[in-house]
Amino acid sequence: MNAYYINFKQASVSIIFLLITFLGFGQAETSKWKVQFAVGINSPSSSGFVTGFEANSINFPTINLGVQHMFKRQFGAKLDFGYNRFSNVDSSPNFKVNYTRINAQFIYDPTPVITFLPVGMGVVAHAGPGLSIIKPLDIYTDNNTSFLNIMAGIEFHYSITQLLTIYLDTSYIYGFSSDFDPVSEGYGSFNGNLLTATIGVSYSLSGCYYCD
């Protein structure tokens, strides 16, 4: 009886070890192609508004959509679109602003070299240039502006299946814009930086990465 119990225990430990190893390799086999969708909040920099205008420090929604392609196990690129809405605090004149952006970003996945991460967890860094498009609403609808940007962020992924992960992303979007004249270019515009925090899903469109 004791020998049977010992053998059963050893077999159980072996099976658990093999499952953990399998799941670990499954996490490492990142797909070539992924689509991503995330929703969250944003915080615009106060320096992006003319004097007298101030936005809420936390605003909803932020919506991100992206397509990602991995060239190697740890390196890739993605094209993504972001929509953000922010509005005034009570002490400011009323305004709402739609901030949309499109960015082409490089991706670096350091997960394989971070040995202390739990099984199923992953980390992805991303950064790249893009274009920001600002459209004020309400009475300032003609005060549109656009400028180049560069954004950078980090994602924390957790695998649900080999094809599906949920992730938390924090990104900062730096705008390359000059100061605008509120008289000639309009109140209600925004030419500053934006911090975003989102939670979303990433779904694989292809099979295992290169598995090399």
C-alpha atoms as a PDB file:
ATOM      1  CA  MET A   1       0.000   0.000   0.000  1.00  0.00           C
ATOM      2  CA  ASN A   2       2.790   2.403   0.918  1.00  0.00           C
ATOM      3  CA  ALA A   3       4.719   1.514  -2.236  1.00  0.00           C
ATOM      4  CA  TYR A   4       1.595   2.132  -4.347  1.00  0.00           C
ATOM      5  CA  TYR A   5       1.048   5.488  -2.652  1.00  0.00           C
ATOM      6  CA  ILE A   6       4.690   6.512  -3.207  1.00  0.00           C
ATOM      7  CA  ASN A   7       4.527   5.546  -6.890  1.00  0.00           C
ATOM      8  CA  PHE A   8       1.232   7.403  -7.299  1.00  0.00           C
ATOM      9  CA  LYS A   9       2.692  10.488  -5.651  1.00  0.00           C
ATOM     10  CA  GLN A  10       5.799  10.373  -7.844  1.00  0.00           C
ATOM     11  CA  ALA A  11       3.666   9.975 -10.966  1.00  0.00           C
ATOM     12  CA  SER A  12       1.466  12.910  -9.934  1.00  0.00           C
ATOM     13  CA  VAL A  13       4.477  15.154  -9.389  1.00  0.00           C
ATOM     14  CA  SER A  14       5.864  14.135 -12.784  1.00  0.00           C
ATOM     15  CA  ILE A  15       2.569  14.888 -14.538  1.00  0.00           C
ATOM     16  CA  ILE A  16       2.296  18.304 -12.841  1.00  0.00           C
ATOM     17  CA  PHE A  17       5.875  19.108 -13.843  1.00  0.00           C
ATOM     18  CA  LEU A  18       5.185  18.127 -17.460  1.00  0.00           C
ATOM     19  CA  LEU A  19       2.024  20.236 -17.523  1.00  0.00           C
ATOM     20  CA  ILE A  20       3.875  23.282 -16.166  1.00  0.00           C
ATOM     21  CA  THR A  21       6.641  22.768 -18.728  1.00  0.00           C
ATOM     22  CA  PHE A  22       4.095  22.424 -21.527  1.00  0.00           C
ATOM     23  CA  LEU A  23       2.243  25.553 -20.471  1.00  0.00           C
ATOM     24  CA  GLY A  24       5.513  27.422 -20.222  1.00  0.00           C
ATOM     25  CA  PHE A  25       6.446  26.492 -23.782  1.00  0.00           C
ATOM     26  CA  GLY A  26       2.895  27.320 -24.890  1.00  0.00           C
ATOM     27  CA  GLN A  27       3.302  30.809 -23.509  1.00  0.00           C
ATOM     28  CA  ALA A  28       6.637  31.158 -25.298  1.00  0.00           C
ATOM     29  CA  GLU A  29       5.140  30.260 -28.688  1.00  0.00           C
ATOM     30  CA  THR A  30       3.878  33.742 -29.456  1.00  0.00           C
ATOM     31  CA  SER A  31       1.734  34.001 -32.595  1.00  0.00           C
ATOM     32  CA  LYS A  32       2.919  35.762 -35.700  1.00  0.00           C
ATOM     33  CA  TRP A  33      -0.313  37.744 -36.050  1.00  0.00           C
ATOM     34  CA  LYS A  34      -2.550  39.124 -33.316  1.00  0.00           C
ATOM     35  CA  VAL A  35      -5.444  41.544 -33.033  1.00  0.00           C
ATOM     36  CA  GLN A  36      -5.889  43.611 -29.899  1.00  0.00           C
ATOM     37  CA  PHE A  37      -8.795  45.491 -28.378  1.00  0.00           C
ATOM     38  CA  ALA A  38      -8.603  47.479 -25.135  1.00  0.00           C
ATOM     39  CA  VAL A  39     -10.714  49.968 -23.175  1.00  0.00           C
ATOM     40  CA  GLY A  40      -9.645  52.260 -20.362  1.00  0.00           C
ATOM     41  CA  ILE A  41      -9.019  55.787 -19.140  1.00  0.00           C
ATOM     42  CA  ASN A  42      -6.817  58.745 -20.046  1.00  0.00           C
ATOM     43  CA  SER A  43      -5.215  61.765 -18.424  1.00  0.00           C
ATOM     44  CA  PRO A  44      -4.232  64.783 -20.594  1.00  0.00           C
ATOM     45  CA  SER A  45      -1.383  67.079 -19.570  1.00  0.00           C
ATOM     46  CA  SER A  46      -2.544  70.425 -18.190  1.00  0.00           C
ATOM     47  CA  SER A  47       0.090  72.239 -20.281  1.00  0.00           C
ATOM     48  CA  GLY A  48      -1.772  71.274 -23.442  1.00  0.00           C
ATOM     49  CA  PHE A  49      -4.600  73.770 -22.843  1.00  0.00           C
ATOM     50  CA  VAL A  50      -4.731  77.543 -23.104  1.00  0.00           C
ATOM     51  CA  THR A  51      -5.060  79.564 -19.905  1.00  0.00           C
ATOM     52  CA  GLY A  52      -8.433  79.109 -18.248  1.00  0.00           C
ATOM     53  CA  PHE A  53      -9.141  75.697 -19.737  1.00  0.00           C
ATOM     54  CA  GLU A  54      -8.557  72.571 -17.666  1.00  0.00           C
ATOM     55  CA  ALA A  55      -9.575  68.955 -18.170  1.00  0.00           C
ATOM     56  CA  ASN A  56     -10.459  66.273 -15.656  1.00  0.00           C
ATOM     57  CA  SER A  57      -7.405  64.366 -14.495  1.00  0.00           C
ATOM     58  CA  ILE A  58      -9.143  61.040 -15.240  1.00  0.00           C
ATOM     59  CA  ASN A  59     -11.359  60.654 -18.307  1.00  0.00           C
ATOM     60  CA  PHE A  60     -13.309  57.856 -19.995  1.00  0.00           C
ATOM     61  CA  PRO A  61     -13.199  56.355 -22.546  1.00  0.00           C
ATOM     62  CA  THR A  62      -9.943  55.364 -24.147  1.00  0.00           C
ATOM     63  CA  ILE A  63     -10.339  52.718 -26.878  1.00  0.00           C
ATOM     64  CA  ASN A  64      -7.421  51.047 -28.638  1.00  0.00           C
ATOM     65  CA  LEU A  65      -7.478  48.749 -31.676  1.00  0.00           C
ATOM     66  CA  GLY A  66      -4.376  47.157 -33.148  1.00  0.00           C
ATOM     67  CA  VAL A  67      -2.867  44.512 -35.413  1.00  0.00           C
ATOM     68  CA  GLN A  68       0.471  43.011 -34.370  1.00  0.00           C
ATOM     69  CA  HIS A  69       3.065  40.988 -36.305  1.00  0.00           C
ATOM     70  CA  MET A  70       6.104  39.292 -34.786  1.00  0.00           C
ATOM     71  CA  PHE A  71       9.201  39.010 -36.989  1.00  0.00           C
ATOM     72  CA  LYS A  72      11.192  37.029 -34.435  1.00  0.00           C
ATOM     73  CA  ARG A  73      10.410  35.495 -31.059  1.00  0.00           C
ATOM     74  CA  GLN A  74      11.068  38.762 -29.231  1.00  0.00           C
ATOM     75  CA  PHE A  75      10.746  41.425 -31.932  1.00  0.00           C
ATOM     76  CA  GLY A  76       7.828  42.676 -33.959  1.00  0.00           C
ATOM     77  CA  ALA A  77       5.704  45.649 -34.963  1.00  0.00           C
ATOM     78  CA  LYS A  78       2.100  46.765 -34.770  1.00  0.00           C
ATOM     79  CA  LEU A  79      -0.214  49.326 -36.284  1.00  0.00           C
ATOM     80  CA  ASP A  80      -2.791  50.625 -33.850  1.00  0.00           C
ATOM     81  CA  PHE A  81      -5.545  53.199 -33.573  1.00  0.00           C
ATOM     82  CA  GLY A  82      -6.585  54.993 -30.413  1.00  0.00           C
ATOM     83  CA  TYR A  83      -9.663  57.033 -29.531  1.00  0.00           C
ATOM     84  CA  ASN A  84      -9.772  59.211 -26.401  1.00  0.00           C
ATOM     85  CA  ARG A  85     -12.364  61.609 -24.995  1.00  0.00           C
ATOM     86  CA  PHE A  86     -11.749  64.159 -22.256  1.00  0.00           C
ATOM     87  CA  SER A  87     -13.752  67.069 -20.876  1.00  0.00           C
ATOM     88  CA  ASN A  88     -13.548  70.069 -18.558  1.00  0.00           C
ATOM     89  CA  VAL A  89     -13.460  70.294 -14.789  1.00  0.00           C
ATOM     90  CA  ASP A  90     -16.276  72.243 -13.123  1.00  0.00           C
ATOM     91  CA  SER A  91     -14.170  75.392 -12.710  1.00  0.00           C
ATOM     92  CA  SER A  92     -13.265  75.536 -16.430  1.00  0.00           C
ATOM     93  CA  PRO A  93     -15.339  76.691 -19.415  1.00  0.00           C
ATOM     94  CA  ASN A  94     -17.327  73.786 -20.833  1.00  0.00           C
ATOM     95  CA  PHE A  95     -15.566  71.754 -23.516  1.00  0.00           C
ATOM     96  CA  LYS A  96     -15.095  68.229 -24.786  1.00  0.00           C
ATOM     97  CA  VAL A  97     -12.279  66.985 -26.967  1.00  0.00           C
ATOM     98  CA  ASN A  98     -11.945  63.907 -29.147  1.00  0.00           C
ATOM     99  CA  TYR A  99      -8.293  62.858 -29.331  1.00  0.00           C
ATOM    100  CA  THR A 100      -7.621  60.193 -31.956  1.00  0.00           C
ATOM    101  CA  ARG A 101      -4.271  58.793 -32.973  1.00  0.00           C
ATOM    102  CA  ILE A 102      -2.688  56.244 -35.262  1.00  0.00           C
ATOM    103  CA  ASN A 103       0.766  54.819 -34.516  1.00  0.00           C
ATOM    104  CA  ALA A 104       3.246  52.380 -36.047  1.00  0.00           C
ATOM    105  CA  GLN A 105       5.155  50.820 -33.171  1.00  0.00           C
ATOM    106  CA  PHE A 106       8.070  48.480 -32.618  1.00  0.00           C
ATOM    107  CA  ILE A 107       7.544  45.626 -30.158  1.00  0.00           C
ATOM    108  CA  TYR A 108       9.987  43.949 -27.804  1.00  0.00           C
ATOM    109  CA  ASP A 109       8.973  40.895 -25.782  1.00  0.00           C
ATOM    110  CA  PRO A 110      11.487  40.217 -22.973  1.00  0.00           C
ATOM    111  CA  THR A 111       9.386  37.420 -21.442  1.00  0.00           C
ATOM    112  CA  PRO A 112      11.798  34.578 -22.365  1.00  0.00           C
ATOM    113  CA  VAL A 113      14.655  36.188 -20.427  1.00  0.00           C
ATOM    114  CA  ILE A 114      12.617  37.189 -17.370  1.00  0.00           C
ATOM    115  CA  THR A 115      12.915  34.000 -15.359  1.00  0.00           C
ATOM    116  CA  PHE A 116      10.875  35.034 -12.313  1.00  0.00           C
ATOM    117  CA  LEU A 117       7.541  35.520 -14.119  1.00  0.00           C
ATOM    118  CA  PRO A 118       4.756  33.070 -13.210  1.00  0.00           C
ATOM    119  CA  VAL A 119       3.649  30.588 -15.864  1.00  0.00           C
ATOM    120  CA  GLY A 120       1.207  32.249 -18.245  1.00  0.00           C
ATOM    121  CA  MET A 121       2.466  35.774 -17.595  1.00  0.00           C
ATOM    122  CA  GLY A 122       4.211  37.921 -20.196  1.00  0.00           C
ATOM    123  CA  VAL A 123       5.599  41.426 -20.634  1.00  0.00           C
ATOM    124  CA  VAL A 124       5.665  43.407 -23.891  1.00  0.00           C
ATOM    125  CA  ALA A 125       7.181  46.848 -24.488  1.00  0.00           C
ATOM    126  CA  HIS A 126       6.141  48.996 -27.455  1.00  0.00           C
ATOM    127  CA  ALA A 127       7.127  52.383 -28.892  1.00  0.00           C
ATOM    128  CA  GLY A 128       6.801  54.270 -32.151  1.00  0.00           C
ATOM    129  CA  PRO A 129       5.773  57.421 -34.044  1.00  0.00           C
ATOM    130  CA  GLY A 130       2.312  58.458 -35.109  1.00  0.00           C
ATOM    131  CA  LEU A 131      -0.185  61.205 -35.780  1.00  0.00           C
ATOM    132  CA  SER A 132      -2.565  62.812 -33.278  1.00  0.00           C
ATOM    133  CA  ILE A 133      -5.828  64.380 -34.487  1.00  0.00           C
ATOM    134  CA  ILE A 134      -7.662  66.772 -32.172  1.00  0.00           C
ATOM    135  CA  LYS A 135     -11.342  67.623 -32.650  1.00  0.00           C
ATOM    136  CA  PRO A 136     -13.037  69.818 -30.026  1.00  0.00           C
ATOM    137  CA  LEU A 137     -16.804  69.417 -29.614  1.00  0.00           C
ATOM    138  CA  ASP A 138     -19.682  71.631 -28.438  1.00  0.00           C
ATOM    139  CA  ILE A 139     -19.142  75.257 -29.516  1.00  0.00           C
ATOM    140  CA  TYR A 140     -15.506  74.703 -30.561  1.00  0.00           C
ATOM    141  CA  THR A 141     -16.085  72.222 -33.384  1.00  0.00           C
ATOM    142  CA  ASP A 142     -14.066  74.210 -35.956  1.00  0.00           C
ATOM    143  CA  ASN A 143     -10.928  74.321 -33.811  1.00  0.00           C
ATOM    144  CA  ASN A 144      -9.345  71.145 -35.178  1.00  0.00           C
ATOM    145  CA  THR A 145      -5.631  70.532 -35.080  1.00  0.00           C
ATOM    146  CA  SER A 146      -3.189  67.693 -35.659  1.00  0.00           C
ATOM    147  CA  PHE A 147       0.448  66.991 -34.899  1.00  0.00           C
ATOM    148  CA  LEU A 148       3.033  64.223 -34.875  1.00  0.00           C
ATOM    149  CA  ASN A 149       3.551  62.145 -31.766  1.00  0.00           C
ATOM    150  CA  ILE A 150       5.637  59.367 -30.346  1.00  0.00           C
ATOM    151  CA  MET A 151       4.230  56.910 -27.842  1.00  0.00           C
ATOM    152  CA  ALA A 152       5.709  54.261 -25.594  1.00  0.00           C
ATOM    153  CA  GLY A 153       4.160  51.776 -23.245  1.00  0.00           C
ATOM    154  CA  ILE A 154       4.321  48.432 -21.527  1.00  0.00           C
ATOM    155  CA  GLU A 155       1.825  45.586 -21.502  1.00  0.00           C
ATOM    156  CA  PHE A 156       1.360  42.841 -18.909  1.00  0.00           C
ATOM    157  CA  HIS A 157      -0.270  39.735 -20.392  1.00  0.00           C
ATOM    158  CA  TYR A 158      -1.918  36.711 -18.835  1.00  0.00           C
ATOM    159  CA  SER A 159      -2.705  33.695 -21.002  1.00  0.00           C
ATOM    160  CA  ILE A 160      -6.257  32.361 -20.959  1.00  0.00           C
ATOM    161  CA  THR A 161      -5.546  29.926 -23.810  1.00  0.00           C
ATOM    162  CA  GLN A 162      -2.735  29.598 -26.343  1.00  0.00           C
ATOM    163  CA  LEU A 163      -4.687  31.955 -28.603  1.00  0.00           C
ATOM    164  CA  LEU A 164      -6.146  34.418 -26.104  1.00  0.00           C
ATOM    165  CA  THR A 165      -4.564  36.668 -23.494  1.00  0.00           C
ATOM    166  CA  ILE A 166      -5.902  39.478 -21.365  1.00  0.00           C
ATOM    167  CA  TYR A 167      -3.561  42.380 -20.793  1.00  0.00           C
ATOM    168  CA  LEU A 168      -3.053  45.641 -18.956  1.00  0.00           C
ATOM    169  CA  ASP A 169      -1.369  48.448 -20.895  1.00  0.00           C
ATOM    170  CA  THR A 170       0.034  51.765 -19.698  1.00  0.00           C
ATOM    171  CA  SER A 171       1.196  54.193 -22.402  1.00  0.00           C
ATOM    172  CA  TYR A 172       2.416  57.756 -22.717  1.00  0.00           C
ATOM    173  CA  ILE A 173       1.843  59.768 -25.899  1.00  0.00           C
ATOM    174  CA  TYR A 174       4.183  62.734 -26.404  1.00  0.00           C
ATOM    175  CA  GLY A 175       2.979  65.343 -28.892  1.00  0.00           C
ATOM    176  CA  PHE A 176       5.346  67.288 -31.152  1.00  0.00           C
ATOM    177  CA  SER A 177       3.235  70.412 -31.343  1.00  0.00           C
ATOM    178  CA  SER A 178       3.796  74.137 -30.963  1.00  0.00           C
ATOM    179  CA  ASP A 179       1.737  76.563 -28.891  1.00  0.00           C
ATOM    180  CA  PHE A 180      -1.400  77.807 -30.595  1.00  0.00           C
ATOM    181  CA  ASP A 181      -3.020  81.238 -30.531  1.00  0.00           C
ATOM    182  CA  PRO A 182      -6.495  80.867 -28.952  1.00  0.00           C
ATOM    183  CA  VAL A 183      -7.765  83.928 -30.796  1.00  0.00           C
ATOM    184  CA  SER A 184      -6.807  82.856 -34.315  1.00  0.00           C
ATOM    185  CA  GLU A 185      -6.708  79.065 -33.833  1.00  0.00           C
ATOM    186  CA  GLY A 186      -9.534  78.675 -31.356  1.00  0.00           C
ATOM    187  CA  TYR A 187     -10.263  77.876 -27.738  1.00  0.00           C
ATOM    188  CA  GLY A 188     -11.012  74.307 -26.837  1.00  0.00           C
ATOM    189  CA  SER A 189      -8.048  72.863 -28.701  1.00  0.00           C
ATOM    190  CA  PHE A 190      -5.378  70.665 -27.155  1.00  0.00           C
ATOM    191  CA  ASN A 191      -1.722  70.301 -28.081  1.00  0.00           C
ATOM    192  CA  GLY A 192      -0.245  68.392 -25.163  1.00  0.00           C
ATOM    193  CA  ASN A 193       0.652  64.895 -24.019  1.00  0.00           C
ATOM    194  CA  LEU A 194      -1.603  62.054 -22.950  1.00  0.00           C
ATOM    195  CA  LEU A 195      -1.267  59.216 -20.446  1.00  0.00           C
ATOM    196  CA  THR A 196      -3.501  56.176 -20.940  1.00  0.00           C
ATOM    197  CA  ALA A 197      -4.271  52.996 -18.998  1.00  0.00           C
ATOM    198  CA  THR A 198      -6.320  50.225 -20.592  1.00  0.00           C
ATOM    199  CA  ILE A 199      -7.304  46.607 -20.130  1.00  0.00           C
ATOM    200  CA  GLY A 200      -7.980  44.430 -23.132  1.00  0.00           C
ATOM    201  CA  VAL A 201      -7.739  41.170 -25.006  1.00  0.00           C
ATOM    202  CA  SER A 202      -5.166  39.958 -27.522  1.00  0.00           C
ATOM    203  CA  TYR A 203      -6.206  37.184 -29.904  1.00  0.00           C
ATOM    204  CA  SER A 204      -3.922  35.154 -32.161  1.00  0.00           C
ATOM    205  CA  LEU A 205      -4.846  34.973 -35.837  1.00  0.00           C
ATOM    206  CA  SER A 206      -2.123  32.474 -36.691  1.00  0.00           C
ATOM    207  CA  GLY A 207      -0.599  29.439 -35.072  1.00  0.00           C
ATOM    208  CA  CYS A 208       2.590  29.145 -33.138  1.00  0.00           C
ATOM    209  CA  TYR A 209       5.268  31.773 -33.760  1.00  0.00           C
ATOM    210  CA  TYR A 210       8.344  30.345 -35.498  1.00  0.00           C
ATOM    211  CA  CYS A 211       8.874  27.815 -32.703  1.00  0.00           C
ATOM    212  CA  ASP A 212      12.620  28.018 -33.174  1.00  0.00           C
END
